[in-house]
Amino acid sequence: MAKVVKGLIGKLDREEITNLQCITMHGQEMVDDYKEWCQVLGFDEGDEDGAEQFINELRYGDEPDDNDWPQEVWDKINEVSNEALENAGTDDGGNQTKESNLSSVELFQEWRKDKGKLDSLKTSENAVKITLWRYQNPLESKKACARALNITKNNIKKWWNIRYFIDGAIADGGHVHPIRLEHDVIKRTILQAVEIAEKE
């Protein structure tokens, strides 16, 4: 399994390259791994959303949900993500627990410090899909969201708290209720929240 190159991930976070370009720039081994991942999971090669999920699995790792995916895929994901975590010196699991204990204003303040996350949020289609689904299904679980949208659990975790980020940015801790629960409205709302975060 190919190793994640921090410099290329930095370019991806700064939106200098796309997820597909990031995979290609990692070299043939990464491209081959991506192709195999697509075949096993039924993603179309060349699909930016699928490429984003592949990159995020390598960066942050994941664990099986009731063995939804073949064990060979999980073994590869865990192997690479463990290496990435050692290289980065961070543990994303701790961040998720920390975020769940923050108010919407505190979450907003944390996210606005993370330029890479804000840059990624501006272009992530998965972020829009997850946020829209959460507004439509406020009492459902991450697992249900992952199944309904066919998005990996790791992507769900990454963008699960966008609703609270929006509340902190736009309503100063109150609640934001989009005019319509439609893709374009949610995307504009997310971009508005990011714009506020980048100004402050």
N, C-alpha and C. Protein backbone atom coordinates (compact mmCIF):
# COMPACT_ATOMS: atom_id res chain seq x y z
N MET A 1 0.85 -1.18 0.00
CA MET A 1 0.00 0.00 0.00
C MET A 1 0.89 1.24 0.00
N ALA A 2 0.56 2.19 -0.83
CA ALA A 2 1.35 3.42 -0.97
C ALA A 2 1.26 4.27 0.29
N LYS A 3 2.33 5.03 0.55
CA LYS A 3 2.36 5.92 1.72
C LYS A 3 1.86 7.30 1.34
N VAL A 4 1.21 7.95 2.30
CA VAL A 4 0.70 9.30 2.09
C VAL A 4 1.85 10.30 2.22
N VAL A 5 1.96 11.20 1.25
CA VAL A 5 3.01 12.23 1.25
C VAL A 5 2.42 13.51 1.82
N LYS A 6 3.00 13.98 2.94
CA LYS A 6 2.46 15.17 3.63
C LYS A 6 2.40 16.39 2.71
N GLY A 7 3.42 16.59 1.89
CA GLY A 7 3.45 17.76 1.02
C GLY A 7 2.28 17.79 0.05
N LEU A 8 1.94 16.63 -0.49
CA LEU A 8 0.81 16.55 -1.42
C LEU A 8 -0.52 16.75 -0.69
N ILE A 9 -0.62 16.22 0.51
CA ILE A 9 -1.84 16.41 1.31
C ILE A 9 -2.00 17.90 1.64
N GLY A 10 -0.89 18.57 1.92
CA GLY A 10 -0.93 20.02 2.17
C GLY A 10 -1.45 20.77 0.96
N LYS A 11 -0.97 20.39 -0.23
CA LYS A 11 -1.47 21.02 -1.46
C LYS A 11 -2.96 20.76 -1.65
N LEU A 12 -3.38 19.56 -1.32
CA LEU A 12 -4.81 19.20 -1.43
C LEU A 12 -5.63 20.06 -0.47
N ASP A 13 -5.18 20.20 0.76
CA ASP A 13 -5.91 21.00 1.74
C ASP A 13 -5.96 22.48 1.35
N ARG A 14 -4.92 22.95 0.65
CA ARG A 14 -4.91 24.35 0.20
C ARG A 14 -5.61 24.51 -1.15
N GLU A 15 -6.22 23.42 -1.64
CA GLU A 15 -6.95 23.42 -2.91
C GLU A 15 -6.08 23.73 -4.12
N GLU A 16 -4.81 23.41 -4.02
CA GLU A 16 -3.91 23.60 -5.16
C GLU A 16 -4.04 22.44 -6.14
N ILE A 17 -4.50 21.29 -5.63
CA ILE A 17 -4.73 20.12 -6.47
C ILE A 17 -6.04 19.46 -6.05
N THR A 18 -6.62 18.64 -6.94
CA THR A 18 -7.84 17.90 -6.63
C THR A 18 -7.46 16.58 -5.97
N ASN A 19 -8.44 15.86 -5.46
CA ASN A 19 -8.18 14.54 -4.88
C ASN A 19 -7.63 13.58 -5.93
N LEU A 20 -8.18 13.63 -7.13
CA LEU A 20 -7.68 12.75 -8.20
C LEU A 20 -6.23 13.09 -8.57
N GLN A 21 -5.91 14.37 -8.63
CA GLN A 21 -4.53 14.77 -8.92
C GLN A 21 -3.60 14.32 -7.80
N CYS A 22 -4.08 14.42 -6.57
CA CYS A 22 -3.28 14.00 -5.41
C CYS A 22 -2.94 12.51 -5.52
N ILE A 23 -3.92 11.70 -5.89
CA ILE A 23 -3.69 10.26 -6.04
C ILE A 23 -2.66 10.02 -7.14
N THR A 24 -2.82 10.67 -8.27
CA THR A 24 -1.91 10.49 -9.40
C THR A 24 -0.49 10.94 -9.05
N MET A 25 -0.38 12.06 -8.35
CA MET A 25 0.94 12.60 -8.00
C MET A 25 1.66 11.75 -6.97
N HIS A 26 0.93 10.91 -6.25
CA HIS A 26 1.57 9.99 -5.29
C HIS A 26 2.32 8.87 -6.02
N GLY A 27 2.01 8.63 -7.28
CA GLY A 27 2.72 7.62 -8.04
C GLY A 27 1.86 6.42 -8.38
N GLN A 28 2.47 5.51 -9.14
CA GLN A 28 1.76 4.36 -9.69
C GLN A 28 1.21 3.44 -8.61
N GLU A 29 1.95 3.26 -7.52
CA GLU A 29 1.48 2.37 -6.46
C GLU A 29 0.16 2.89 -5.87
N MET A 30 0.07 4.20 -5.65
CA MET A 30 -1.16 4.79 -5.12
C MET A 30 -2.30 4.67 -6.14
N VAL A 31 -1.98 4.90 -7.41
CA VAL A 31 -2.99 4.78 -8.47
C VAL A 31 -3.54 3.36 -8.51
N ASP A 32 -2.64 2.37 -8.42
CA ASP A 32 -3.07 0.97 -8.43
C ASP A 32 -3.94 0.64 -7.23
N ASP A 33 -3.55 1.16 -6.04
CA ASP A 33 -4.35 0.95 -4.84
C ASP A 33 -5.74 1.57 -4.99
N TYR A 34 -5.78 2.77 -5.56
CA TYR A 34 -7.05 3.46 -5.78
C TYR A 34 -7.94 2.66 -6.74
N LYS A 35 -7.36 2.16 -7.81
CA LYS A 35 -8.14 1.38 -8.78
C LYS A 35 -8.71 0.12 -8.12
N GLU A 36 -7.89 -0.55 -7.32
CA GLU A 36 -8.36 -1.75 -6.62
C GLU A 36 -9.46 -1.40 -5.63
N TRP A 37 -9.29 -0.29 -4.91
CA TRP A 37 -10.29 0.18 -3.94
C TRP A 37 -11.60 0.44 -4.66
N CYS A 38 -11.54 1.12 -5.82
CA CYS A 38 -12.75 1.41 -6.60
C CYS A 38 -13.46 0.13 -7.03
N GLN A 39 -12.68 -0.85 -7.48
CA GLN A 39 -13.27 -2.11 -7.94
C GLN A 39 -13.96 -2.85 -6.80
N VAL A 40 -13.28 -2.91 -5.66
CA VAL A 40 -13.82 -3.64 -4.52
C VAL A 40 -15.10 -2.98 -3.99
N LEU A 41 -15.10 -1.63 -3.96
CA LEU A 41 -16.23 -0.91 -3.37
C LEU A 41 -17.27 -0.46 -4.38
N GLY A 42 -16.99 -0.64 -5.67
CA GLY A 42 -17.97 -0.29 -6.69
C GLY A 42 -18.00 1.18 -7.05
N PHE A 43 -16.91 1.92 -6.80
CA PHE A 43 -16.83 3.32 -7.19
C PHE A 43 -16.31 3.43 -8.62
N ASP A 44 -16.72 4.49 -9.31
CA ASP A 44 -16.19 4.76 -10.64
C ASP A 44 -14.83 5.44 -10.50
N GLU A 45 -13.84 4.92 -11.23
CA GLU A 45 -12.54 5.59 -11.25
C GLU A 45 -12.73 6.95 -11.91
N GLY A 46 -12.08 7.95 -11.37
CA GLY A 46 -12.19 9.28 -11.93
C GLY A 46 -13.29 10.12 -11.29
N ASP A 47 -14.02 9.55 -10.33
CA ASP A 47 -15.07 10.28 -9.62
C ASP A 47 -14.44 11.02 -8.45
N GLU A 48 -14.55 12.34 -8.41
CA GLU A 48 -13.90 13.15 -7.37
C GLU A 48 -14.41 12.82 -5.97
N ASP A 49 -15.71 12.54 -5.82
CA ASP A 49 -16.24 12.18 -4.50
C ASP A 49 -15.62 10.88 -4.00
N GLY A 50 -15.52 9.89 -4.88
CA GLY A 50 -14.89 8.63 -4.50
C GLY A 50 -13.42 8.82 -4.17
N ALA A 51 -12.74 9.67 -4.96
CA ALA A 51 -11.32 9.95 -4.69
C ALA A 51 -11.15 10.62 -3.33
N GLU A 52 -12.09 11.52 -2.99
CA GLU A 52 -12.03 12.18 -1.68
C GLU A 52 -12.18 11.15 -0.56
N GLN A 53 -13.10 10.21 -0.73
CA GLN A 53 -13.28 9.17 0.29
C GLN A 53 -12.03 8.31 0.41
N PHE A 54 -11.43 7.94 -0.73
CA PHE A 54 -10.21 7.13 -0.71
C PHE A 54 -9.10 7.85 0.04
N ILE A 55 -8.87 9.12 -0.28
CA ILE A 55 -7.82 9.90 0.38
C ILE A 55 -8.11 10.02 1.87
N ASN A 56 -9.35 10.29 2.23
CA ASN A 56 -9.68 10.42 3.65
C ASN A 56 -9.50 9.12 4.41
N GLU A 57 -9.81 8.00 3.77
CA GLU A 57 -9.57 6.71 4.42
C GLU A 57 -8.08 6.51 4.68
N LEU A 58 -7.25 6.91 3.74
CA LEU A 58 -5.81 6.78 3.93
C LEU A 58 -5.32 7.72 5.02
N ARG A 59 -5.86 8.93 5.04
CA ARG A 59 -5.40 9.94 6.00
C ARG A 59 -5.86 9.64 7.42
N TYR A 60 -7.12 9.27 7.57
CA TYR A 60 -7.70 9.21 8.91
C TYR A 60 -8.07 7.80 9.38
N GLY A 61 -8.10 6.86 8.46
CA GLY A 61 -8.45 5.49 8.84
C GLY A 61 -9.93 5.34 9.10
N ASP A 62 -10.34 4.13 9.36
CA ASP A 62 -11.73 3.83 9.64
C ASP A 62 -11.80 2.42 10.17
N GLU A 63 -12.94 2.04 10.65
CA GLU A 63 -13.15 0.69 11.14
C GLU A 63 -14.40 0.14 10.47
N PRO A 64 -14.49 -1.18 10.34
CA PRO A 64 -15.65 -1.76 9.67
C PRO A 64 -16.95 -1.50 10.42
N ASP A 65 -18.02 -1.30 9.67
CA ASP A 65 -19.38 -1.17 10.19
C ASP A 65 -20.10 -2.47 9.88
N ASP A 66 -20.21 -3.35 10.86
CA ASP A 66 -20.89 -4.64 10.64
C ASP A 66 -20.33 -5.37 9.42
N ASN A 67 -19.03 -5.25 9.20
CA ASN A 67 -18.36 -5.93 8.08
C ASN A 67 -19.00 -5.61 6.74
N ASP A 68 -19.40 -4.33 6.54
CA ASP A 68 -20.01 -3.92 5.28
C ASP A 68 -19.04 -4.09 4.12
N TRP A 69 -17.77 -3.86 4.37
CA TRP A 69 -16.76 -3.97 3.32
C TRP A 69 -15.93 -5.22 3.55
N PRO A 70 -15.33 -5.75 2.50
CA PRO A 70 -14.48 -6.93 2.66
C PRO A 70 -13.30 -6.62 3.60
N GLN A 71 -12.91 -7.62 4.38
CA GLN A 71 -11.85 -7.44 5.37
C GLN A 71 -10.54 -7.00 4.71
N GLU A 72 -10.27 -7.46 3.50
CA GLU A 72 -9.02 -7.08 2.83
C GLU A 72 -8.93 -5.56 2.63
N VAL A 73 -10.06 -4.92 2.37
CA VAL A 73 -10.07 -3.45 2.23
C VAL A 73 -9.76 -2.81 3.57
N TRP A 74 -10.38 -3.30 4.64
CA TRP A 74 -10.14 -2.72 5.97
C TRP A 74 -8.69 -2.91 6.40
N ASP A 75 -8.12 -4.07 6.08
CA ASP A 75 -6.72 -4.31 6.44
C ASP A 75 -5.81 -3.28 5.79
N LYS A 76 -6.05 -3.01 4.50
CA LYS A 76 -5.22 -2.03 3.79
C LYS A 76 -5.45 -0.62 4.34
N ILE A 77 -6.70 -0.27 4.58
CA ILE A 77 -7.00 1.07 5.11
C ILE A 77 -6.35 1.26 6.47
N ASN A 78 -6.48 0.28 7.35
CA ASN A 78 -5.90 0.40 8.68
C ASN A 78 -4.38 0.48 8.64
N GLU A 79 -3.77 -0.31 7.76
CA GLU A 79 -2.31 -0.29 7.63
C GLU A 79 -1.81 1.10 7.22
N VAL A 80 -2.41 1.66 6.20
CA VAL A 80 -1.97 2.96 5.70
C VAL A 80 -2.32 4.07 6.68
N SER A 81 -3.52 4.01 7.27
CA SER A 81 -3.91 5.09 8.18
C SER A 81 -3.06 5.10 9.43
N ASN A 82 -2.64 3.92 9.90
CA ASN A 82 -1.75 3.88 11.06
C ASN A 82 -0.42 4.55 10.74
N GLU A 83 0.09 4.30 9.55
CA GLU A 83 1.33 4.96 9.13
C GLU A 83 1.14 6.46 9.03
N ALA A 84 0.01 6.89 8.48
CA ALA A 84 -0.26 8.32 8.33
C ALA A 84 -0.36 9.00 9.69
N LEU A 85 -1.01 8.33 10.64
CA LEU A 85 -1.14 8.91 11.98
C LEU A 85 0.21 9.01 12.67
N GLU A 86 1.06 8.00 12.50
CA GLU A 86 2.39 8.05 13.08
C GLU A 86 3.19 9.20 12.48
N ASN A 87 3.08 9.37 11.17
CA ASN A 87 3.81 10.45 10.50
C ASN A 87 3.28 11.81 10.90
N ALA A 88 1.99 11.93 11.07
CA ALA A 88 1.39 13.22 11.41
C ALA A 88 1.47 13.50 12.90
N GLY A 89 1.60 12.46 13.71
CA GLY A 89 1.68 12.62 15.16
C GLY A 89 0.37 13.07 15.78
N THR A 90 -0.77 12.74 15.13
CA THR A 90 -2.06 13.13 15.69
C THR A 90 -2.96 11.93 15.76
N ASP A 91 -4.02 12.07 16.54
CA ASP A 91 -5.02 11.01 16.68
C ASP A 91 -6.38 11.63 16.44
N ASP A 92 -6.95 11.39 15.27
CA ASP A 92 -8.22 12.01 14.90
C ASP A 92 -9.37 11.59 15.80
N GLY A 93 -9.28 10.41 16.39
CA GLY A 93 -10.34 9.95 17.27
C GLY A 93 -10.53 10.89 18.45
N GLY A 94 -9.46 11.42 18.99
CA GLY A 94 -9.53 12.36 20.09
C GLY A 94 -10.23 13.63 19.69
N ASN A 95 -10.00 14.08 18.47
CA ASN A 95 -10.66 15.29 17.98
C ASN A 95 -12.16 15.10 17.93
N GLN A 96 -12.62 13.93 17.49
CA GLN A 96 -14.05 13.70 17.36
C GLN A 96 -14.72 13.76 18.73
N THR A 97 -14.10 13.16 19.74
CA THR A 97 -14.65 13.20 21.08
C THR A 97 -14.66 14.63 21.59
N LYS A 98 -13.57 15.34 21.35
CA LYS A 98 -13.46 16.73 21.79
C LYS A 98 -14.56 17.58 21.15
N GLU A 99 -14.77 17.41 19.84
CA GLU A 99 -15.78 18.21 19.14
C GLU A 99 -17.18 17.96 19.69
N SER A 100 -17.48 16.73 20.05
CA SER A 100 -18.83 16.43 20.52
C SER A 100 -19.14 17.10 21.86
N ASN A 101 -18.11 17.55 22.58
CA ASN A 101 -18.30 18.20 23.87
C ASN A 101 -18.30 19.72 23.77
N LEU A 102 -18.15 20.27 22.57
CA LEU A 102 -18.08 21.72 22.39
C LEU A 102 -19.45 22.31 22.07
N SER A 103 -19.67 23.55 22.49
CA SER A 103 -20.86 24.27 22.05
C SER A 103 -20.66 24.67 20.59
N SER A 104 -21.71 25.13 19.93
CA SER A 104 -21.58 25.51 18.52
C SER A 104 -20.60 26.69 18.36
N VAL A 105 -20.58 27.61 19.30
CA VAL A 105 -19.66 28.74 19.22
C VAL A 105 -18.22 28.26 19.41
N GLU A 106 -18.00 27.35 20.36
CA GLU A 106 -16.66 26.81 20.59
C GLU A 106 -16.20 25.99 19.39
N LEU A 107 -17.10 25.21 18.80
CA LEU A 107 -16.76 24.44 17.61
C LEU A 107 -16.37 25.37 16.47
N PHE A 108 -17.15 26.42 16.27
CA PHE A 108 -16.85 27.42 15.24
C PHE A 108 -15.45 28.00 15.47
N GLN A 109 -15.13 28.35 16.70
CA GLN A 109 -13.82 28.93 17.01
C GLN A 109 -12.69 27.94 16.72
N GLU A 110 -12.91 26.66 17.02
CA GLU A 110 -11.91 25.63 16.73
C GLU A 110 -11.70 25.45 15.22
N TRP A 111 -12.81 25.34 14.49
CA TRP A 111 -12.72 25.09 13.05
C TRP A 111 -12.10 26.28 12.33
N ARG A 112 -12.38 27.49 12.77
CA ARG A 112 -11.85 28.65 12.04
C ARG A 112 -10.34 28.74 12.14
N LYS A 113 -9.73 28.07 13.10
CA LYS A 113 -8.27 28.04 13.24
C LYS A 113 -7.64 27.06 12.24
N ASP A 114 -8.45 26.16 11.69
CA ASP A 114 -7.95 25.10 10.81
C ASP A 114 -8.20 25.47 9.35
N LYS A 115 -7.23 26.17 8.75
CA LYS A 115 -7.38 26.63 7.36
C LYS A 115 -7.58 25.47 6.39
N GLY A 116 -6.87 24.37 6.63
CA GLY A 116 -7.03 23.20 5.77
C GLY A 116 -8.45 22.66 5.78
N LYS A 117 -9.05 22.62 6.96
CA LYS A 117 -10.42 22.12 7.07
C LYS A 117 -11.39 23.07 6.38
N LEU A 118 -11.18 24.38 6.57
CA LEU A 118 -12.06 25.36 5.92
C LEU A 118 -11.93 25.28 4.40
N ASP A 119 -10.71 25.14 3.90
CA ASP A 119 -10.49 25.04 2.46
C ASP A 119 -11.17 23.79 1.91
N SER A 120 -11.03 22.69 2.63
CA SER A 120 -11.65 21.43 2.22
C SER A 120 -13.17 21.54 2.26
N LEU A 121 -13.68 22.21 3.29
CA LEU A 121 -15.13 22.37 3.45
C LEU A 121 -15.75 23.14 2.29
N LYS A 122 -15.00 24.11 1.73
CA LYS A 122 -15.54 24.93 0.63
C LYS A 122 -15.81 24.11 -0.63
N THR A 123 -15.09 23.01 -0.81
CA THR A 123 -15.22 22.26 -2.06
C THR A 123 -15.78 20.85 -1.90
N SER A 124 -16.00 20.42 -0.68
CA SER A 124 -16.42 19.03 -0.44
C SER A 124 -17.90 18.81 -0.74
N GLU A 125 -18.17 17.98 -1.72
CA GLU A 125 -19.55 17.60 -2.01
C GLU A 125 -20.10 16.70 -0.90
N ASN A 126 -19.21 15.87 -0.33
CA ASN A 126 -19.66 15.02 0.78
C ASN A 126 -20.14 15.86 1.95
N ALA A 127 -19.47 16.97 2.22
CA ALA A 127 -19.88 17.85 3.32
C ALA A 127 -21.30 18.36 3.08
N VAL A 128 -21.60 18.74 1.86
CA VAL A 128 -22.94 19.24 1.53
C VAL A 128 -23.97 18.13 1.69
N LYS A 129 -23.67 16.96 1.15
CA LYS A 129 -24.61 15.83 1.22
C LYS A 129 -24.89 15.43 2.66
N ILE A 130 -23.83 15.36 3.47
CA ILE A 130 -23.98 14.96 4.87
C ILE A 130 -24.80 16.00 5.64
N THR A 131 -24.50 17.28 5.42
CA THR A 131 -25.22 18.34 6.12
C THR A 131 -26.69 18.36 5.75
N LEU A 132 -26.99 18.24 4.47
CA LEU A 132 -28.38 18.19 4.01
C LEU A 132 -29.09 17.00 4.66
N TRP A 133 -28.45 15.84 4.65
CA TRP A 133 -29.05 14.65 5.24
C TRP A 133 -29.31 14.86 6.72
N ARG A 134 -28.38 15.50 7.42
CA ARG A 134 -28.55 15.75 8.87
C ARG A 134 -29.72 16.67 9.14
N TYR A 135 -29.89 17.71 8.31
CA TYR A 135 -31.05 18.58 8.50
C TYR A 135 -32.35 17.80 8.27
N GLN A 136 -32.34 16.88 7.32
CA GLN A 136 -33.53 16.11 7.00
C GLN A 136 -33.77 14.97 7.99
N ASN A 137 -32.71 14.53 8.68
CA ASN A 137 -32.79 13.38 9.60
C ASN A 137 -32.08 13.70 10.91
N PRO A 138 -32.58 14.66 11.67
CA PRO A 138 -31.84 15.16 12.83
C PRO A 138 -31.61 14.14 13.96
N LEU A 139 -32.40 13.10 14.03
CA LEU A 139 -32.25 12.14 15.12
C LEU A 139 -31.53 10.86 14.70
N GLU A 140 -31.12 10.77 13.46
CA GLU A 140 -30.48 9.56 12.96
C GLU A 140 -28.99 9.51 13.34
N SER A 141 -28.40 8.34 13.18
CA SER A 141 -27.01 8.10 13.58
C SER A 141 -26.04 8.27 12.40
N LYS A 142 -24.76 8.32 12.73
CA LYS A 142 -23.72 8.38 11.70
C LYS A 142 -23.77 7.14 10.82
N LYS A 143 -24.03 6.01 11.44
CA LYS A 143 -24.10 4.75 10.70
C LYS A 143 -25.23 4.79 9.66
N ALA A 144 -26.39 5.30 10.07
CA ALA A 144 -27.52 5.41 9.15
C ALA A 144 -27.20 6.37 8.01
N CYS A 145 -26.51 7.46 8.33
CA CYS A 145 -26.12 8.44 7.32
C CYS A 145 -25.17 7.80 6.30
N ALA A 146 -24.18 7.07 6.80
CA ALA A 146 -23.21 6.42 5.92
C ALA A 146 -23.90 5.46 4.95
N ARG A 147 -24.85 4.72 5.47
CA ARG A 147 -25.57 3.75 4.62
C ARG A 147 -26.47 4.46 3.61
N ALA A 148 -27.18 5.49 4.07
CA ALA A 148 -28.12 6.18 3.20
C ALA A 148 -27.41 6.90 2.05
N LEU A 149 -26.25 7.47 2.33
CA LEU A 149 -25.55 8.26 1.33
C LEU A 149 -24.45 7.49 0.60
N ASN A 150 -24.17 6.28 1.06
CA ASN A 150 -23.07 5.49 0.50
C ASN A 150 -21.76 6.27 0.60
N ILE A 151 -21.53 6.85 1.77
CA ILE A 151 -20.31 7.59 2.07
C ILE A 151 -19.65 6.89 3.24
N THR A 152 -18.33 6.84 3.24
CA THR A 152 -17.63 6.12 4.30
C THR A 152 -17.85 6.75 5.66
N LYS A 153 -17.75 5.91 6.67
CA LYS A 153 -17.95 6.36 8.05
C LYS A 153 -16.96 7.47 8.41
N ASN A 154 -15.77 7.39 7.88
CA ASN A 154 -14.77 8.41 8.19
C ASN A 154 -15.16 9.78 7.63
N ASN A 155 -15.70 9.82 6.43
CA ASN A 155 -16.18 11.08 5.87
C ASN A 155 -17.36 11.61 6.68
N ILE A 156 -18.22 10.69 7.14
CA ILE A 156 -19.35 11.11 7.97
C ILE A 156 -18.82 11.76 9.24
N LYS A 157 -17.85 11.14 9.90
CA LYS A 157 -17.28 11.71 11.13
C LYS A 157 -16.67 13.09 10.87
N LYS A 158 -15.95 13.19 9.77
CA LYS A 158 -15.25 14.45 9.48
C LYS A 158 -16.22 15.62 9.36
N TRP A 159 -17.38 15.40 8.73
CA TRP A 159 -18.30 16.50 8.44
C TRP A 159 -19.58 16.47 9.29
N TRP A 160 -19.66 15.61 10.27
CA TRP A 160 -20.88 15.43 11.06
C TRP A 160 -21.32 16.71 11.76
N ASN A 161 -20.41 17.51 12.22
CA ASN A 161 -20.75 18.68 13.04
C ASN A 161 -20.88 19.99 12.25
N ILE A 162 -21.01 19.92 10.95
CA ILE A 162 -21.14 21.15 10.15
C ILE A 162 -22.36 21.96 10.58
N ARG A 163 -23.45 21.31 10.93
CA ARG A 163 -24.64 22.05 11.39
C ARG A 163 -24.29 22.97 12.55
N TYR A 164 -23.48 22.49 13.47
CA TYR A 164 -23.12 23.28 14.65
C TYR A 164 -22.12 24.39 14.29
N PHE A 165 -21.24 24.09 13.32
CA PHE A 165 -20.32 25.11 12.81
C PHE A 165 -21.13 26.25 12.20
N ILE A 166 -22.16 25.91 11.42
CA ILE A 166 -23.03 26.92 10.81
C ILE A 166 -23.75 27.72 11.90
N ASP A 167 -24.27 27.03 12.92
CA ASP A 167 -24.94 27.73 14.02
C ASP A 167 -24.00 28.71 14.70
N GLY A 168 -22.76 28.29 14.94
CA GLY A 168 -21.79 29.16 15.59
C GLY A 168 -21.40 30.35 14.75
N ALA A 169 -21.31 30.13 13.43
CA ALA A 169 -20.88 31.20 12.52
C ALA A 169 -22.00 32.21 12.25
N ILE A 170 -23.16 31.71 11.91
CA ILE A 170 -24.23 32.58 11.42
C ILE A 170 -25.16 33.06 12.54
N ALA A 171 -25.47 32.18 13.49
CA ALA A 171 -26.45 32.52 14.53
C ALA A 171 -25.80 32.76 15.89
N ASP A 172 -24.46 32.81 15.93
CA ASP A 172 -23.74 33.06 17.17
C ASP A 172 -24.22 32.14 18.29
N GLY A 173 -24.39 30.87 17.96
CA GLY A 173 -24.78 29.87 18.95
C GLY A 173 -26.26 29.53 18.94
N GLY A 174 -27.06 30.32 18.23
CA GLY A 174 -28.48 29.99 18.07
C GLY A 174 -28.62 28.87 17.06
N HIS A 175 -29.76 28.80 16.40
CA HIS A 175 -29.95 27.74 15.41
C HIS A 175 -30.26 28.35 14.05
N VAL A 176 -29.64 27.78 13.03
CA VAL A 176 -29.89 28.20 11.65
C VAL A 176 -30.84 27.20 11.02
N HIS A 177 -31.87 27.70 10.40
CA HIS A 177 -32.81 26.85 9.67
C HIS A 177 -32.80 27.31 8.21
N PRO A 178 -32.15 26.55 7.33
CA PRO A 178 -32.11 26.95 5.92
C PRO A 178 -33.51 27.15 5.34
N ILE A 179 -33.60 28.05 4.38
CA ILE A 179 -34.88 28.37 3.75
C ILE A 179 -35.53 27.12 3.17
N ARG A 180 -34.74 26.37 2.42
CA ARG A 180 -35.20 25.12 1.83
C ARG A 180 -34.11 24.07 2.05
N LEU A 181 -34.53 22.85 2.25
CA LEU A 181 -33.56 21.77 2.41
C LEU A 181 -33.23 21.21 1.04
N GLU A 182 -32.40 21.97 0.32
CA GLU A 182 -31.95 21.60 -1.02
C GLU A 182 -30.44 21.72 -1.08
N HIS A 183 -29.85 20.95 -1.96
CA HIS A 183 -28.39 20.91 -2.11
C HIS A 183 -27.78 22.30 -2.25
N ASP A 184 -28.29 23.10 -3.17
CA ASP A 184 -27.71 24.42 -3.42
C ASP A 184 -27.85 25.37 -2.25
N VAL A 185 -28.96 25.28 -1.53
CA VAL A 185 -29.17 26.14 -0.36
C VAL A 185 -28.18 25.77 0.74
N ILE A 186 -28.01 24.48 0.97
CA ILE A 186 -27.07 24.02 2.00
C ILE A 186 -25.65 24.41 1.61
N LYS A 187 -25.30 24.26 0.35
CA LYS A 187 -23.96 24.63 -0.10
C LYS A 187 -23.70 26.12 0.14
N ARG A 188 -24.66 26.96 -0.21
CA ARG A 188 -24.50 28.41 0.02
C ARG A 188 -24.39 28.73 1.51
N THR A 189 -25.14 28.02 2.32
CA THR A 189 -25.10 28.25 3.78
C THR A 189 -23.73 27.87 4.33
N ILE A 190 -23.18 26.75 3.87
CA ILE A 190 -21.85 26.34 4.30
C ILE A 190 -20.81 27.37 3.87
N LEU A 191 -20.89 27.82 2.62
CA LEU A 191 -19.93 28.81 2.12
C LEU A 191 -20.04 30.13 2.89
N GLN A 192 -21.27 30.50 3.27
CA GLN A 192 -21.47 31.71 4.06
C GLN A 192 -20.79 31.56 5.42
N ALA A 193 -20.93 30.39 6.05
CA ALA A 193 -20.31 30.16 7.35
C ALA A 193 -18.78 30.18 7.24
N VAL A 194 -18.25 29.58 6.19
CA VAL A 194 -16.79 29.59 5.98
C VAL A 194 -16.30 31.01 5.76
N GLU A 195 -17.03 31.78 4.98
CA GLU A 195 -16.66 33.17 4.71
C GLU A 195 -16.58 33.97 6.03
N ILE A 196 -17.54 33.76 6.90
CA ILE A 196 -17.53 34.43 8.20
C ILE A 196 -16.32 33.99 9.01
N ALA A 197 -16.02 32.69 8.98
CA ALA A 197 -14.86 32.18 9.73
C ALA A 197 -13.56 32.76 9.22
N GLU A 198 -13.47 32.93 7.93
CA GLU A 198 -12.21 33.44 7.35
C GLU A 198 -12.04 34.95 7.57
N LYS A 199 -13.14 35.67 7.78
CA LYS A 199 -13.06 37.12 8.01
C LYS A 199 -12.64 37.45 9.43
N GLU A 200 -13.08 36.67 10.37
CA GLU A 200 -12.85 37.00 11.79
C GLU A 200 -11.42 36.76 12.20
